[in-house]
């Protein structure tokens, strides 16, 4: 179990805002408030405890989600499915007690996703930090925070969960950070068609710049019909649903090719939302439907994803 001497202190260079932070703010996901949030942080190690083996002061790191490190999922390199994931990331507590910050006399929760990276100094455990120095030495550290969540969610879904193959078609539903990371990963995998459905014209333009071959405006075009048109009636071999909207997920299923695979990463605005899925359609088309957390990534993959994302140009712009 983690102990205080195994923690380390970081100076946070940058922390990006993720949709999960907004979901906490809006009360969609549970976390004791008031709190310091943030879970896409990057920075420089300032100090380490005596139990730390692989990091030292001065190391540049990316912070990622927390996991217990010893349950069946963690031991099989699936830490995003840690049996204690909720307590590790959403309870504001460490195994040795609560992490409490304060502002005056007001107590504030911390340790969100094992880091609370919106603070100027963050405390985290060694196994949810990834050393980045030589992997992305040409990228400013302040741009690396999303590698620990958004980028690895999108890229990991493509490279690990779906294991997308070259020459196949890929549909991305939602052109935010996760979706655009998936676009770049699909380009790296050699997909013949990379289709992005996104209502924002600016994001559609960015998707094309990062590797999408076609874009769809779902507000003014029929998604299923356009996908069928683009794929000459075949449908898409792979799809990634990033919006969390039930209606979009249902349209994604209708857009799949025979033996297609759909991965769902978007969290719905209402946690008890349900989708209408036809078992017969799944059977007749041989579809595979899976949920994915953090791109099925582990610390080892997080490191290699830095290199792959750098090659794809994810650091081309801080947008």
Protein backbone atom coordinates (compact mmCIF):
# COMPACT_ATOMS: atom_id res chain seq x y z
CA UNK A 1 0.00 0.00 0.00
CA UNK A 2 1.22 3.54 -0.69
CA UNK A 3 2.88 5.39 2.16
CA UNK A 4 3.73 9.04 2.57
CA UNK A 5 7.44 8.39 2.09
CA UNK A 6 6.69 7.03 -1.39
CA UNK A 7 5.15 10.30 -2.50
CA UNK A 8 6.94 13.06 -4.30
CA UNK A 9 6.42 16.77 -4.72
CA UNK A 10 6.18 18.42 -8.14
CA UNK A 11 6.24 21.88 -9.56
CA UNK A 12 3.40 21.92 -12.08
CA UNK A 13 4.45 23.68 -15.28
CA UNK A 14 1.08 23.32 -16.94
CA UNK A 15 -2.25 21.58 -16.44
CA UNK A 16 -4.93 21.34 -19.08
CA UNK A 17 -8.67 21.31 -18.48
CA UNK A 18 -10.29 17.97 -19.31
CA UNK A 19 -13.99 17.24 -19.76
CA UNK A 20 -13.83 15.23 -16.53
CA UNK A 21 -12.83 18.36 -14.59
CA UNK A 22 -15.90 20.12 -15.99
CA UNK A 23 -18.09 17.12 -15.12
CA UNK A 24 -16.95 17.39 -11.50
CA UNK A 25 -17.61 21.13 -11.48
CA UNK A 26 -21.11 20.58 -12.87
CA UNK A 27 -21.93 17.77 -10.43
CA UNK A 28 -22.14 15.05 -13.10
CA UNK A 29 -19.36 12.99 -11.49
CA UNK A 30 -18.89 12.68 -7.71
CA UNK A 31 -16.04 14.37 -5.87
CA UNK A 32 -16.11 16.15 -2.47
CA UNK A 33 -16.20 19.90 -3.05
CA UNK A 34 -14.69 22.45 -2.70
CA UNK A 35 -11.64 20.89 -4.29
CA UNK A 36 -8.51 21.46 -6.32
CA UNK A 37 -9.06 19.51 -9.55
CA UNK A 38 -6.78 18.95 -12.55
CA UNK A 39 -5.46 15.65 -13.90
CA UNK A 40 -3.55 16.49 -17.09
CA UNK A 41 -0.45 17.90 -15.47
CA UNK A 42 3.20 18.03 -16.41
CA UNK A 43 6.11 19.41 -14.45
CA UNK A 44 9.49 19.01 -12.81
CA UNK A 45 10.12 16.81 -9.78
CA UNK A 46 11.14 19.01 -6.86
CA UNK A 47 11.54 16.41 -4.11
CA UNK A 48 11.06 12.67 -3.58
CA UNK A 49 10.43 10.43 -0.59
CA UNK A 50 12.90 7.72 0.47
CA UNK A 51 10.74 4.98 -1.09
CA UNK A 52 11.00 6.43 -4.60
CA UNK A 53 13.27 4.33 -6.85
CA UNK A 54 13.11 5.62 -10.42
CA UNK A 55 12.67 9.39 -10.20
CA UNK A 56 14.85 12.17 -8.84
CA UNK A 57 14.63 15.96 -8.46
CA UNK A 58 14.94 17.68 -11.82
CA UNK A 59 13.19 14.94 -13.81
CA UNK A 60 10.48 16.11 -16.21
CA UNK A 61 7.28 14.08 -15.86
CA UNK A 62 3.72 13.73 -17.06
CA UNK A 63 1.09 12.86 -14.45
CA UNK A 64 -1.56 10.27 -15.25
CA UNK A 65 -4.43 8.57 -13.40
CA UNK A 66 -3.99 6.75 -10.09
CA UNK A 67 -4.33 3.02 -9.47
CA UNK A 68 -3.64 0.71 -6.54
CA UNK A 69 -0.87 -1.22 -8.31
CA UNK A 70 -1.64 -4.59 -6.73
CA UNK A 71 -5.15 -5.77 -7.72
CA UNK A 72 -5.74 -8.32 -10.51
CA UNK A 73 -6.26 -5.62 -13.16
CA UNK A 74 -3.13 -3.68 -12.17
CA UNK A 75 -1.02 -6.85 -12.09
CA UNK A 76 -2.20 -7.65 -15.63
CA UNK A 77 -1.17 -4.17 -16.86
CA UNK A 78 -4.73 -2.84 -17.03
CA UNK A 79 -4.51 -0.12 -14.35
CA UNK A 80 -7.37 1.93 -15.84
CA UNK A 81 -9.64 -0.94 -14.72
CA UNK A 82 -8.16 -0.98 -11.23
CA UNK A 83 -10.65 -2.55 -8.83
CA UNK A 84 -10.12 0.46 -6.59
CA UNK A 85 -10.24 3.05 -9.42
CA UNK A 86 -13.06 5.11 -7.89
CA UNK A 87 -11.40 5.45 -4.50
CA UNK A 88 -7.99 6.08 -6.06
CA UNK A 89 -9.19 8.92 -8.29
CA UNK A 90 -12.42 10.35 -6.90
CA UNK A 91 -12.31 10.02 -3.10
CA UNK A 92 -9.81 12.84 -2.33
CA UNK A 93 -8.02 10.38 -0.06
CA UNK A 94 -4.80 8.42 0.00
CA UNK A 95 -4.52 5.01 1.61
CA UNK A 96 -2.82 6.65 4.62
CA UNK A 97 -5.55 9.25 5.08
CA UNK A 98 -7.19 12.27 3.44
CA UNK A 99 -5.27 14.85 1.46
CA UNK A 100 -6.68 18.12 2.65
CA UNK A 101 -5.74 21.55 1.40
CA UNK A 102 -7.05 24.77 2.86
CA UNK A 103 -7.76 28.37 2.06
CA UNK A 104 -7.91 30.28 5.29
CA UNK A 105 -10.16 28.23 7.56
CA UNK A 106 -11.86 26.41 4.67
CA UNK A 107 -10.87 22.79 4.05
CA UNK A 108 -10.41 21.89 0.37
CA UNK A 109 -10.24 18.38 -1.12
CA UNK A 110 -7.24 17.30 -3.19
CA UNK A 111 -5.47 14.29 -4.70
CA UNK A 112 -7.90 14.31 -7.64
CA UNK A 113 -6.76 11.52 -9.99
CA UNK A 114 -3.80 11.18 -7.66
CA UNK A 115 -2.50 14.66 -8.45
CA UNK A 116 -4.83 17.73 -8.31
CA UNK A 117 -2.62 19.41 -10.88
CA UNK A 118 -4.43 22.76 -10.87
CA UNK A 119 -2.31 23.60 -7.83
CA UNK A 120 1.13 25.16 -8.24
CA UNK A 121 2.64 22.22 -6.34
CA UNK A 122 1.28 18.67 -6.62
CA UNK A 123 1.98 15.48 -4.72
CA UNK A 124 1.75 12.15 -6.54
CA UNK A 125 2.95 8.57 -6.37
CA UNK A 126 5.72 7.17 -8.51
CA UNK A 127 3.54 4.74 -10.44
CA UNK A 128 1.23 7.46 -11.80
CA UNK A 129 4.14 9.54 -13.12
CA UNK A 130 5.88 9.02 -16.47
CA UNK A 131 9.40 10.34 -17.03
CA UNK A 132 9.48 12.13 -20.36
CA UNK A 133 12.92 13.74 -20.81
CA UNK A 134 14.45 11.95 -23.81
CA UNK A 135 11.15 10.81 -25.32
CA UNK A 136 9.91 14.21 -26.37
CA UNK A 137 12.92 16.45 -25.95
CA UNK A 138 11.75 18.69 -28.79
CA UNK A 139 8.40 19.53 -27.17
CA UNK A 140 7.76 22.22 -24.52
CA UNK A 141 6.86 20.55 -21.24
CA UNK A 142 3.77 22.74 -20.86
CA UNK A 143 2.20 20.97 -23.85
CA UNK A 144 2.69 17.46 -22.50
CA UNK A 145 -0.01 17.30 -19.80
CA UNK A 146 -2.75 15.87 -22.06
CA UNK A 147 -0.56 12.83 -22.77
CA UNK A 148 -1.59 11.55 -19.34
CA UNK A 149 -5.31 11.51 -20.12
CA UNK A 150 -6.84 12.90 -23.31
CA UNK A 151 -4.11 11.88 -25.76
CA UNK A 152 -3.64 8.42 -24.32
CA UNK A 153 -7.42 7.91 -24.26
CA UNK A 154 -7.80 8.64 -27.98
CA UNK A 155 -4.51 7.16 -29.19
CA UNK A 156 -4.72 4.20 -26.86
CA UNK A 157 -8.25 3.37 -28.03
CA UNK A 158 -6.88 3.16 -31.58
CA UNK A 159 -3.61 1.35 -30.88
CA UNK A 160 -4.57 -0.90 -27.97
CA UNK A 161 -8.34 -1.29 -27.55
CA UNK A 162 -9.33 -1.46 -31.22
CA UNK A 163 -5.87 -2.38 -32.52
CA UNK A 164 -6.73 -0.60 -35.77
CA UNK A 165 -5.22 -2.15 -38.91
CA UNK A 166 -3.77 -0.42 -41.96
CA UNK A 167 -6.01 0.02 -44.98
CA UNK A 168 -9.23 0.04 -42.93
CA UNK A 169 -11.78 2.82 -42.44
CA UNK A 170 -12.10 4.66 -39.12
CA UNK A 171 -14.89 6.92 -37.85
CA UNK A 172 -14.38 9.42 -35.02
CA UNK A 173 -17.44 10.91 -33.38
CA UNK A 174 -16.42 14.14 -31.66
CA UNK A 175 -13.43 16.25 -32.64
CA UNK A 176 -12.13 17.34 -29.25
CA UNK A 177 -8.73 16.45 -27.78
CA UNK A 178 -9.57 12.76 -27.48
CA UNK A 179 -11.02 12.51 -30.98
CA UNK A 180 -8.15 14.40 -32.60
CA UNK A 181 -5.63 12.20 -30.80
CA UNK A 182 -7.44 9.21 -32.28
CA UNK A 183 -7.23 10.81 -35.73
CA UNK A 184 -3.45 11.12 -35.44
CA UNK A 185 -3.11 7.57 -34.17
CA UNK A 186 -5.28 6.27 -37.02
CA UNK A 187 -3.05 8.12 -39.47
CA UNK A 188 -0.01 6.48 -37.91
CA UNK A 189 -1.70 3.09 -38.30
CA UNK A 190 -2.27 3.72 -42.01
CA UNK A 191 -6.06 3.87 -42.17
CA UNK A 192 -7.35 4.41 -45.71
CA UNK A 193 -10.23 6.62 -44.60
CA UNK A 194 -10.41 8.66 -41.41
CA UNK A 195 -13.83 10.27 -41.04
CA UNK A 196 -14.58 12.81 -38.31
CA UNK A 197 -18.09 13.89 -37.32
CA UNK A 198 -17.96 17.22 -35.45
CA UNK A 199 -20.37 20.20 -35.33
CA UNK A 200 -17.61 22.81 -34.89
CA UNK A 201 -16.23 24.08 -38.20
CA UNK A 202 -12.92 25.01 -36.54
CA UNK A 203 -12.48 21.50 -35.14
CA UNK A 204 -13.39 19.94 -38.47
CA UNK A 205 -10.68 22.05 -40.08
CA UNK A 206 -8.19 20.97 -37.45
CA UNK A 207 -9.15 17.33 -37.95
CA UNK A 208 -8.33 17.62 -41.65
CA UNK A 209 -4.99 19.22 -40.82
CA UNK A 210 -4.13 16.33 -38.50
CA UNK A 211 -4.99 13.52 -40.89
CA UNK A 212 -8.74 13.15 -41.40
CA UNK A 213 -9.67 12.34 -44.99
CA UNK A 214 -13.31 13.44 -44.68
CA UNK A 215 -15.33 15.44 -42.17
CA UNK A 216 -19.07 15.52 -41.46
CA UNK A 217 -21.17 18.30 -39.97
CA UNK A 218 -23.76 16.30 -37.97
CA UNK A 219 -25.96 19.38 -37.51
CA UNK A 220 -26.52 19.76 -41.23
CA UNK A 221 -25.79 16.28 -42.62
CA UNK A 222 -27.21 12.84 -41.94
CA UNK A 223 -24.33 11.03 -40.26
CA UNK A 224 -25.26 7.49 -41.22
CA UNK A 225 -26.06 8.41 -44.83
CA UNK A 226 -22.79 10.34 -45.25
CA UNK A 227 -20.73 7.50 -43.82
CA UNK A 228 -22.41 5.05 -46.19
CA UNK A 229 -21.78 7.42 -49.07
CA UNK A 230 -18.11 7.91 -48.21
CA UNK A 231 -17.51 4.17 -47.74
CA UNK A 232 -19.53 3.21 -50.83
CA UNK A 233 -22.15 1.44 -48.77
CA UNK A 234 -19.70 -0.62 -46.71
CA UNK A 235 -19.78 1.29 -43.44
CA UNK A 236 -16.73 1.83 -41.21
CA UNK A 237 -14.48 -0.91 -39.93
CA UNK A 238 -13.73 0.92 -36.70
CA UNK A 239 -15.36 3.78 -34.78
CA UNK A 240 -14.63 5.75 -31.62
CA UNK A 241 -17.49 7.50 -29.82
CA UNK A 242 -16.16 10.50 -27.86
CA UNK A 243 -19.25 12.67 -27.34
CA UNK A 244 -21.08 10.79 -24.60
CA UNK A 245 -24.37 11.41 -26.42
CA UNK A 246 -26.61 8.35 -26.61
CA UNK A 247 -28.06 9.40 -29.95
CA UNK A 248 -24.57 9.62 -31.46
CA UNK A 249 -23.65 6.18 -30.15
CA UNK A 250 -26.76 4.74 -31.75
CA UNK A 251 -25.88 6.38 -35.06
CA UNK A 252 -22.35 5.00 -34.77
CA UNK A 253 -23.70 1.47 -34.53
CA UNK A 254 -25.76 2.06 -37.69
CA UNK A 255 -22.61 3.33 -39.45
CA UNK A 256 -20.53 0.19 -38.88
CA UNK A 257 -19.35 -2.27 -41.51
CA UNK A 258 -19.74 -6.02 -41.20
CA UNK A 259 -17.55 -7.23 -38.33
CA UNK A 260 -17.02 -3.61 -37.33
CA UNK A 261 -15.72 -2.57 -33.92
CA UNK A 262 -17.01 0.39 -31.91
CA UNK A 263 -15.23 1.73 -28.82
CA UNK A 264 -17.05 4.12 -26.47
CA UNK A 265 -15.06 6.60 -24.36
CA UNK A 266 -17.50 9.52 -24.00
CA UNK A 267 -19.21 9.81 -20.60
CA UNK A 268 -22.91 10.75 -20.96
CA UNK A 269 -24.17 13.97 -19.35
CA UNK A 270 -26.56 11.80 -17.31
CA UNK A 271 -24.81 8.79 -15.82
CA UNK A 272 -27.98 6.66 -15.93
CA UNK A 273 -28.47 7.24 -19.67
CA UNK A 274 -29.27 4.16 -21.73
CA UNK A 275 -28.93 3.46 -25.44
CA UNK A 276 -31.24 1.49 -27.72
CA UNK A 277 -29.11 -1.31 -29.14
CA UNK A 278 -30.59 -4.07 -31.30
CA UNK A 279 -29.12 -7.47 -30.33
CA UNK A 280 -30.18 -8.77 -33.75
CA UNK A 281 -28.18 -6.03 -35.50
CA UNK A 282 -25.11 -6.91 -33.42
CA UNK A 283 -25.48 -10.56 -34.33
CA UNK A 284 -26.24 -10.12 -38.02
CA UNK A 285 -23.31 -7.77 -38.59
CA UNK A 286 -20.96 -9.46 -36.13
CA UNK A 287 -20.30 -6.16 -34.39
CA UNK A 288 -18.06 -5.67 -31.37
CA UNK A 289 -19.04 -2.94 -28.90
CA UNK A 290 -16.64 -2.06 -26.07
CA UNK A 291 -16.22 0.53 -23.36
CA UNK A 292 -12.73 1.98 -22.88
CA UNK A 293 -11.10 3.85 -19.98
CA UNK A 294 -7.92 5.86 -20.56
CA UNK A 295 -7.27 4.06 -23.85
CA UNK A 296 -6.48 0.82 -21.97
CA UNK A 297 -3.13 2.48 -21.28
CA UNK A 298 -0.57 1.58 -18.66
CA UNK A 299 2.55 3.48 -17.65
CA UNK A 300 4.68 1.68 -20.22
CA UNK A 301 2.31 2.56 -23.03
CA UNK A 302 2.04 6.14 -21.79
CA UNK A 303 5.78 6.50 -22.34
CA UNK A 304 5.77 5.11 -25.87
CA UNK A 305 2.68 7.14 -26.73
CA UNK A 306 4.73 10.26 -26.07
CA UNK A 307 7.09 9.32 -28.87
CA UNK A 308 4.33 8.29 -31.25
CA UNK A 309 2.31 11.42 -30.61
CA UNK A 310 5.38 13.58 -31.14
CA UNK A 311 5.96 11.97 -34.54
CA UNK A 312 2.34 12.67 -35.46
CA UNK A 313 2.71 16.36 -34.72
CA UNK A 314 0.50 16.54 -31.65
CA UNK A 315 2.77 19.33 -30.36
CA UNK A 316 2.44 21.34 -33.54
CA UNK A 317 0.12 23.80 -31.84
CA UNK A 318 -0.96 24.46 -28.23
CA UNK A 319 -4.60 24.77 -29.34
